[in-house]
Amino acid sequence: MARCARSKLVSTPIPAFPPLTPSSTAPAGASQTLAAAANIVREAQATWLLTAKVDGGSTTVAGLTHGRAITSIRRIKLTDYGIDAGVWLTGELMLEVGLGTTASGPDIHFAGTLTVGGPRAAHGTVTVAGDRVNGVLDGRSVSR
């Protein structure tokens, strides 16, 4: 039986979110904040996949714990968007379609720079380019 190659995922699968606990409200260091930011980005991309309108319109969606996302066919606009206690992202992620292709399809990914805030966060900015997230949080360079 012939099989087709698996298509490239637009967004990586999202693991289950842990319940909020008293320890989840303690201040996070730069590495913990970067991990939280990467999870927020993945969740926002999944939200986009479910809510983006191809007719040019937009959809406003509440964050799981804070803020909102506005999705449209080409972008995700985050305003204090959070999925965990005390770490939020603000800014825009734009859908980019690369000129090349991968073994599983066209090069489609999100890219943008986001401001990290919230009472638990190491504050600063992160840059998203596909699956890569890096930035400067509390004056420290971090990457993932």
N, C-alpha and C. Protein backbone atom coordinates (compact mmCIF):
# COMPACT_ATOMS: atom_id res chain seq x y z
N MET A 1 0.85 -1.16 0.00
CA MET A 1 0.00 0.00 0.00
C MET A 1 0.91 1.24 0.00
N ALA A 2 0.63 2.17 -0.90
CA ALA A 2 1.40 3.41 -0.97
C ALA A 2 0.96 4.37 0.13
N ARG A 3 1.92 5.16 0.62
CA ARG A 3 1.61 6.14 1.66
C ARG A 3 2.13 7.50 1.24
N CYS A 4 1.39 8.53 1.55
CA CYS A 4 1.83 9.90 1.29
C CYS A 4 2.72 10.37 2.43
N ALA A 5 3.64 11.26 2.09
CA ALA A 5 4.49 11.85 3.13
C ALA A 5 3.62 12.70 4.05
N ARG A 6 3.97 12.71 5.32
CA ARG A 6 3.23 13.51 6.29
C ARG A 6 3.47 14.99 6.04
N SER A 7 2.43 15.80 6.07
CA SER A 7 2.54 17.24 5.88
C SER A 7 3.22 17.89 7.08
N LYS A 8 3.93 18.99 6.83
CA LYS A 8 4.55 19.75 7.91
C LYS A 8 3.46 20.44 8.73
N LEU A 9 3.60 20.42 10.05
CA LEU A 9 2.64 21.06 10.93
C LEU A 9 2.86 22.57 10.93
N VAL A 10 1.80 23.36 10.86
CA VAL A 10 1.91 24.81 10.95
C VAL A 10 2.29 25.21 12.37
N SER A 11 1.79 24.46 13.34
CA SER A 11 2.09 24.71 14.75
C SER A 11 2.36 23.37 15.42
N THR A 12 3.33 23.34 16.33
CA THR A 12 3.61 22.10 17.04
C THR A 12 2.48 21.78 18.00
N PRO A 13 2.22 20.50 18.26
CA PRO A 13 1.14 20.13 19.18
C PRO A 13 1.35 20.74 20.56
N ILE A 14 0.25 21.04 21.22
CA ILE A 14 0.29 21.68 22.53
C ILE A 14 0.05 20.62 23.61
N PRO A 15 0.96 20.51 24.60
CA PRO A 15 0.73 19.57 25.69
C PRO A 15 -0.38 20.09 26.61
N ALA A 16 -0.87 19.21 27.46
CA ALA A 16 -1.87 19.63 28.44
C ALA A 16 -1.28 20.69 29.35
N PHE A 17 -2.10 21.65 29.75
CA PHE A 17 -1.65 22.70 30.64
C PHE A 17 -1.77 22.25 32.08
N PRO A 18 -0.74 22.47 32.89
CA PRO A 18 -0.83 22.07 34.30
C PRO A 18 -1.79 22.99 35.05
N PRO A 19 -2.40 22.49 36.11
CA PRO A 19 -3.29 23.35 36.90
C PRO A 19 -2.48 24.45 37.59
N LEU A 20 -3.12 25.59 37.82
CA LEU A 20 -2.46 26.68 38.53
C LEU A 20 -2.31 26.29 39.99
N THR A 21 -1.13 26.52 40.52
CA THR A 21 -0.84 26.20 41.92
C THR A 21 -0.19 27.43 42.56
N PRO A 22 -0.08 27.48 43.89
CA PRO A 22 0.59 28.62 44.52
C PRO A 22 2.01 28.82 43.99
N SER A 23 2.74 27.74 43.66
CA SER A 23 4.10 27.90 43.14
C SER A 23 4.11 28.50 41.74
N SER A 24 2.98 28.40 41.00
CA SER A 24 2.94 28.97 39.67
C SER A 24 2.76 30.49 39.70
N THR A 25 2.65 31.07 40.89
CA THR A 25 2.56 32.52 40.98
C THR A 25 3.86 33.15 41.50
N ALA A 26 4.88 32.32 41.77
CA ALA A 26 6.18 32.84 42.20
C ALA A 26 6.87 33.49 41.02
N PRO A 27 7.72 34.49 41.24
CA PRO A 27 8.42 35.14 40.13
C PRO A 27 9.21 34.12 39.31
N ALA A 28 9.17 34.30 37.99
CA ALA A 28 9.88 33.39 37.09
C ALA A 28 11.18 34.04 36.63
N GLY A 29 12.22 33.24 36.49
CA GLY A 29 13.47 33.72 35.94
C GLY A 29 13.38 33.83 34.43
N ALA A 30 14.46 34.28 33.79
CA ALA A 30 14.47 34.48 32.34
C ALA A 30 14.19 33.18 31.59
N SER A 31 14.79 32.08 31.99
CA SER A 31 14.58 30.80 31.29
C SER A 31 13.15 30.30 31.45
N GLN A 32 12.61 30.42 32.67
CA GLN A 32 11.21 30.01 32.89
C GLN A 32 10.25 30.89 32.10
N THR A 33 10.52 32.18 32.05
CA THR A 33 9.67 33.10 31.30
C THR A 33 9.74 32.79 29.81
N LEU A 34 10.93 32.48 29.29
CA LEU A 34 11.06 32.12 27.88
C LEU A 34 10.25 30.86 27.57
N ALA A 35 10.32 29.87 28.44
CA ALA A 35 9.53 28.65 28.24
C ALA A 35 8.04 28.96 28.24
N ALA A 36 7.59 29.82 29.16
CA ALA A 36 6.18 30.22 29.20
C ALA A 36 5.81 30.97 27.92
N ALA A 37 6.69 31.87 27.45
CA ALA A 37 6.43 32.63 26.23
C ALA A 37 6.30 31.69 25.03
N ALA A 38 7.18 30.69 24.95
CA ALA A 38 7.11 29.72 23.84
C ALA A 38 5.78 28.96 23.88
N ASN A 39 5.32 28.59 25.07
CA ASN A 39 4.02 27.92 25.20
C ASN A 39 2.88 28.83 24.79
N ILE A 40 2.96 30.10 25.17
CA ILE A 40 1.92 31.06 24.79
C ILE A 40 1.88 31.21 23.27
N VAL A 41 3.04 31.30 22.64
CA VAL A 41 3.09 31.43 21.18
C VAL A 41 2.47 30.20 20.52
N ARG A 42 2.81 29.00 20.98
CA ARG A 42 2.23 27.78 20.39
C ARG A 42 0.71 27.77 20.55
N GLU A 43 0.25 28.16 21.73
CA GLU A 43 -1.19 28.16 21.97
C GLU A 43 -1.87 29.22 21.09
N ALA A 44 -1.26 30.38 20.93
CA ALA A 44 -1.83 31.43 20.07
C ALA A 44 -1.90 30.96 18.62
N GLN A 45 -0.88 30.23 18.16
CA GLN A 45 -0.90 29.71 16.81
C GLN A 45 -2.03 28.69 16.63
N ALA A 46 -2.25 27.85 17.63
CA ALA A 46 -3.35 26.88 17.57
C ALA A 46 -4.69 27.61 17.57
N THR A 47 -4.80 28.68 18.35
CA THR A 47 -6.02 29.48 18.37
C THR A 47 -6.25 30.09 16.99
N TRP A 48 -5.18 30.59 16.36
CA TRP A 48 -5.27 31.14 15.00
C TRP A 48 -5.81 30.08 14.05
N LEU A 49 -5.27 28.88 14.14
CA LEU A 49 -5.66 27.81 13.23
C LEU A 49 -7.16 27.52 13.33
N LEU A 50 -7.71 27.67 14.53
CA LEU A 50 -9.14 27.41 14.74
C LEU A 50 -10.04 28.60 14.45
N THR A 51 -9.50 29.83 14.48
CA THR A 51 -10.38 31.00 14.42
C THR A 51 -10.13 31.97 13.28
N ALA A 52 -9.02 31.86 12.55
CA ALA A 52 -8.73 32.81 11.47
C ALA A 52 -9.79 32.72 10.39
N LYS A 53 -10.20 33.86 9.90
CA LYS A 53 -11.22 33.91 8.86
C LYS A 53 -10.57 34.15 7.51
N VAL A 54 -10.94 33.36 6.53
CA VAL A 54 -10.36 33.52 5.20
C VAL A 54 -11.03 34.63 4.40
N ASP A 55 -12.11 35.20 4.90
CA ASP A 55 -12.81 36.26 4.18
C ASP A 55 -12.24 37.65 4.45
N GLY A 56 -11.12 37.72 5.18
CA GLY A 56 -10.52 39.01 5.49
C GLY A 56 -10.94 39.58 6.82
N GLY A 57 -11.91 38.97 7.49
CA GLY A 57 -12.37 39.44 8.79
C GLY A 57 -11.42 39.00 9.90
N SER A 58 -11.77 39.36 11.11
CA SER A 58 -10.96 38.99 12.26
C SER A 58 -11.85 38.44 13.36
N THR A 59 -11.22 37.71 14.29
CA THR A 59 -11.92 37.13 15.43
C THR A 59 -11.16 37.50 16.69
N THR A 60 -11.87 37.94 17.73
CA THR A 60 -11.25 38.23 19.01
C THR A 60 -11.49 37.06 19.96
N VAL A 61 -10.40 36.60 20.57
CA VAL A 61 -10.46 35.44 21.46
C VAL A 61 -9.80 35.81 22.78
N ALA A 62 -10.43 35.43 23.89
CA ALA A 62 -9.84 35.69 25.21
C ALA A 62 -8.71 34.71 25.47
N GLY A 63 -7.64 35.19 26.15
CA GLY A 63 -6.58 34.30 26.60
C GLY A 63 -7.11 33.39 27.69
N LEU A 64 -6.45 32.26 27.93
CA LEU A 64 -6.93 31.33 28.94
C LEU A 64 -6.93 31.95 30.33
N THR A 65 -5.94 32.82 30.62
CA THR A 65 -5.90 33.44 31.95
C THR A 65 -5.90 34.96 31.89
N HIS A 66 -5.58 35.56 30.73
CA HIS A 66 -5.45 37.01 30.69
C HIS A 66 -5.42 37.49 29.25
N GLY A 67 -5.91 38.70 29.01
CA GLY A 67 -5.76 39.37 27.73
C GLY A 67 -6.59 38.79 26.61
N ARG A 68 -6.16 39.14 25.36
CA ARG A 68 -6.91 38.70 24.19
C ARG A 68 -6.00 38.56 22.98
N ALA A 69 -6.49 37.80 22.01
CA ALA A 69 -5.83 37.67 20.71
C ALA A 69 -6.84 38.04 19.65
N ILE A 70 -6.38 38.76 18.64
CA ILE A 70 -7.21 39.04 17.48
C ILE A 70 -6.55 38.32 16.31
N THR A 71 -7.28 37.37 15.73
CA THR A 71 -6.73 36.57 14.64
C THR A 71 -7.35 36.98 13.31
N SER A 72 -6.53 36.97 12.28
CA SER A 72 -7.00 37.15 10.91
C SER A 72 -6.18 36.20 10.05
N ILE A 73 -6.45 36.14 8.78
CA ILE A 73 -5.79 35.16 7.93
C ILE A 73 -4.27 35.33 7.88
N ARG A 74 -3.74 36.55 8.08
CA ARG A 74 -2.30 36.78 7.97
C ARG A 74 -1.59 37.14 9.27
N ARG A 75 -2.33 37.28 10.38
CA ARG A 75 -1.64 37.70 11.60
C ARG A 75 -2.39 37.30 12.86
N ILE A 76 -1.64 37.36 13.96
CA ILE A 76 -2.19 37.21 15.30
C ILE A 76 -1.74 38.43 16.09
N LYS A 77 -2.68 39.21 16.59
CA LYS A 77 -2.34 40.37 17.42
C LYS A 77 -2.66 40.01 18.86
N LEU A 78 -1.62 40.03 19.71
CA LEU A 78 -1.78 39.68 21.12
C LEU A 78 -1.76 40.94 21.98
N THR A 79 -2.66 41.00 22.94
CA THR A 79 -2.69 42.10 23.90
C THR A 79 -2.72 41.49 25.30
N ASP A 80 -1.57 41.56 26.00
CA ASP A 80 -1.46 40.98 27.35
C ASP A 80 -2.03 39.56 27.38
N TYR A 81 -1.74 38.79 26.35
CA TYR A 81 -2.30 37.45 26.17
C TYR A 81 -1.55 36.44 27.03
N GLY A 82 -2.29 35.68 27.84
CA GLY A 82 -1.66 34.72 28.72
C GLY A 82 -2.42 33.42 28.82
N ILE A 83 -1.67 32.35 29.07
CA ILE A 83 -2.27 31.03 29.28
C ILE A 83 -1.85 30.45 30.62
N ASP A 84 -1.04 31.20 31.37
CA ASP A 84 -0.53 30.76 32.67
C ASP A 84 -0.56 31.97 33.59
N ALA A 85 -0.45 31.76 34.86
CA ALA A 85 -0.52 32.87 35.81
C ALA A 85 0.66 33.81 35.67
N GLY A 86 0.39 35.08 35.36
CA GLY A 86 1.39 36.13 35.49
C GLY A 86 2.39 36.35 34.38
N VAL A 87 2.31 35.65 33.24
CA VAL A 87 3.21 35.90 32.10
C VAL A 87 2.33 36.18 30.89
N TRP A 88 2.53 37.37 30.27
CA TRP A 88 1.69 37.81 29.17
C TRP A 88 2.54 38.31 28.01
N LEU A 89 1.99 38.20 26.81
CA LEU A 89 2.67 38.69 25.62
C LEU A 89 1.82 39.72 24.91
N THR A 90 2.49 40.74 24.36
CA THR A 90 1.82 41.78 23.59
C THR A 90 2.62 42.01 22.31
N GLY A 91 1.92 42.10 21.19
CA GLY A 91 2.58 42.36 19.90
C GLY A 91 1.89 41.59 18.79
N GLU A 92 2.57 41.52 17.65
CA GLU A 92 1.98 40.86 16.49
C GLU A 92 2.88 39.76 15.94
N LEU A 93 2.25 38.67 15.55
CA LEU A 93 2.91 37.61 14.82
C LEU A 93 2.32 37.60 13.42
N MET A 94 3.17 37.69 12.42
CA MET A 94 2.72 37.72 11.02
C MET A 94 2.97 36.35 10.39
N LEU A 95 2.01 35.89 9.59
CA LEU A 95 2.17 34.64 8.85
C LEU A 95 3.10 34.91 7.68
N GLU A 96 4.15 34.11 7.57
CA GLU A 96 5.10 34.25 6.47
C GLU A 96 5.12 32.97 5.66
N VAL A 97 5.14 33.15 4.36
CA VAL A 97 5.23 32.01 3.45
C VAL A 97 6.56 32.14 2.74
N GLY A 98 7.46 31.21 3.02
CA GLY A 98 8.79 31.24 2.42
C GLY A 98 8.76 30.84 0.95
N LEU A 99 9.82 31.19 0.25
CA LEU A 99 9.92 30.85 -1.17
C LEU A 99 10.21 29.37 -1.38
N GLY A 100 10.87 28.76 -0.41
CA GLY A 100 11.24 27.36 -0.54
C GLY A 100 10.15 26.44 -0.03
N THR A 101 10.45 25.18 -0.11
CA THR A 101 9.55 24.17 0.43
C THR A 101 10.38 23.23 1.30
N THR A 102 9.68 22.53 2.14
CA THR A 102 10.32 21.52 2.96
C THR A 102 9.92 20.16 2.38
N ALA A 103 10.44 19.10 2.93
CA ALA A 103 10.08 17.76 2.45
C ALA A 103 8.59 17.49 2.59
N SER A 104 7.95 18.20 3.51
CA SER A 104 6.53 17.94 3.76
C SER A 104 5.61 19.07 3.29
N GLY A 105 6.12 20.04 2.55
CA GLY A 105 5.24 21.08 2.03
C GLY A 105 5.88 22.45 2.05
N PRO A 106 5.06 23.49 1.78
CA PRO A 106 5.60 24.85 1.72
C PRO A 106 6.10 25.33 3.08
N ASP A 107 7.03 26.27 3.06
CA ASP A 107 7.60 26.86 4.28
C ASP A 107 6.63 27.93 4.79
N ILE A 108 5.77 27.56 5.73
CA ILE A 108 4.79 28.48 6.32
C ILE A 108 5.06 28.57 7.81
N HIS A 109 5.22 29.80 8.32
CA HIS A 109 5.50 29.98 9.75
C HIS A 109 5.10 31.38 10.19
N PHE A 110 5.08 31.58 11.50
CA PHE A 110 4.82 32.90 12.08
C PHE A 110 6.12 33.54 12.51
N ALA A 111 6.18 34.86 12.44
CA ALA A 111 7.35 35.60 12.89
C ALA A 111 6.90 36.94 13.47
N GLY A 112 7.67 37.44 14.45
CA GLY A 112 7.38 38.74 15.03
C GLY A 112 8.13 38.93 16.33
N THR A 113 8.03 40.15 16.86
CA THR A 113 8.65 40.48 18.14
C THR A 113 7.54 40.82 19.12
N LEU A 114 7.62 40.26 20.31
CA LEU A 114 6.59 40.42 21.33
C LEU A 114 7.20 40.96 22.61
N THR A 115 6.44 41.79 23.30
CA THR A 115 6.83 42.31 24.61
C THR A 115 6.32 41.37 25.68
N VAL A 116 7.18 41.03 26.63
CA VAL A 116 6.82 40.12 27.71
C VAL A 116 6.54 40.94 28.96
N GLY A 117 5.41 40.69 29.57
CA GLY A 117 5.05 41.41 30.79
C GLY A 117 4.28 40.51 31.73
N GLY A 118 3.76 41.11 32.78
CA GLY A 118 3.01 40.37 33.77
C GLY A 118 3.74 40.35 35.10
N PRO A 119 3.02 40.17 36.21
CA PRO A 119 3.62 40.25 37.54
C PRO A 119 4.61 39.14 37.84
N ARG A 120 4.57 38.03 37.14
CA ARG A 120 5.45 36.89 37.40
C ARG A 120 6.63 36.86 36.43
N ALA A 121 6.54 37.60 35.33
CA ALA A 121 7.49 37.47 34.23
C ALA A 121 8.82 38.18 34.46
N ALA A 122 9.86 37.64 33.81
CA ALA A 122 11.10 38.39 33.59
C ALA A 122 10.79 39.27 32.38
N HIS A 123 10.78 40.56 32.54
CA HIS A 123 10.31 41.46 31.49
C HIS A 123 11.35 41.65 30.39
N GLY A 124 10.85 41.94 29.19
CA GLY A 124 11.72 42.17 28.04
C GLY A 124 10.98 41.90 26.75
N THR A 125 11.72 41.45 25.73
CA THR A 125 11.12 41.13 24.44
C THR A 125 11.60 39.76 23.96
N VAL A 126 10.75 39.12 23.18
CA VAL A 126 11.14 37.88 22.52
C VAL A 126 10.84 38.00 21.04
N THR A 127 11.66 37.35 20.24
CA THR A 127 11.48 37.31 18.80
C THR A 127 11.12 35.88 18.41
N VAL A 128 10.08 35.76 17.60
CA VAL A 128 9.61 34.46 17.15
C VAL A 128 9.91 34.34 15.66
N ALA A 129 10.50 33.22 15.25
CA ALA A 129 10.74 32.92 13.84
C ALA A 129 10.53 31.42 13.67
N GLY A 130 9.34 31.05 13.24
CA GLY A 130 9.01 29.63 13.14
C GLY A 130 8.98 28.99 14.50
N ASP A 131 9.75 27.91 14.68
CA ASP A 131 9.80 27.21 15.97
C ASP A 131 10.79 27.83 16.95
N ARG A 132 11.58 28.81 16.50
CA ARG A 132 12.60 29.43 17.35
C ARG A 132 12.03 30.63 18.10
N VAL A 133 12.36 30.72 19.39
CA VAL A 133 11.98 31.86 20.22
C VAL A 133 13.23 32.29 20.98
N ASN A 134 13.63 33.55 20.84
CA ASN A 134 14.77 34.07 21.60
C ASN A 134 14.51 35.51 21.95
N GLY A 135 15.32 36.06 22.85
CA GLY A 135 15.12 37.44 23.23
C GLY A 135 16.00 37.86 24.38
N VAL A 136 15.62 39.00 24.97
CA VAL A 136 16.31 39.53 26.13
C VAL A 136 15.26 39.72 27.22
N LEU A 137 15.45 39.00 28.34
CA LEU A 137 14.52 39.06 29.46
C LEU A 137 15.30 39.41 30.72
N ASP A 138 14.86 40.46 31.39
CA ASP A 138 15.57 40.99 32.57
C ASP A 138 17.05 41.21 32.27
N GLY A 139 17.33 41.70 31.05
CA GLY A 139 18.70 42.02 30.65
C GLY A 139 19.55 40.83 30.27
N ARG A 140 18.97 39.65 30.21
CA ARG A 140 19.72 38.43 29.91
C ARG A 140 19.27 37.84 28.56
N SER A 141 20.23 37.51 27.67
CA SER A 141 19.90 36.88 26.40
C SER A 141 19.48 35.44 26.65
N VAL A 142 18.36 35.06 26.03
CA VAL A 142 17.85 33.70 26.18
C VAL A 142 17.40 33.20 24.80
N SER A 143 17.49 31.90 24.59
CA SER A 143 17.01 31.34 23.33
C SER A 143 16.49 29.93 23.55
N ARG A 144 15.64 29.54 22.63
CA ARG A 144 15.02 28.21 22.73
C ARG A 144 14.75 27.70 21.33
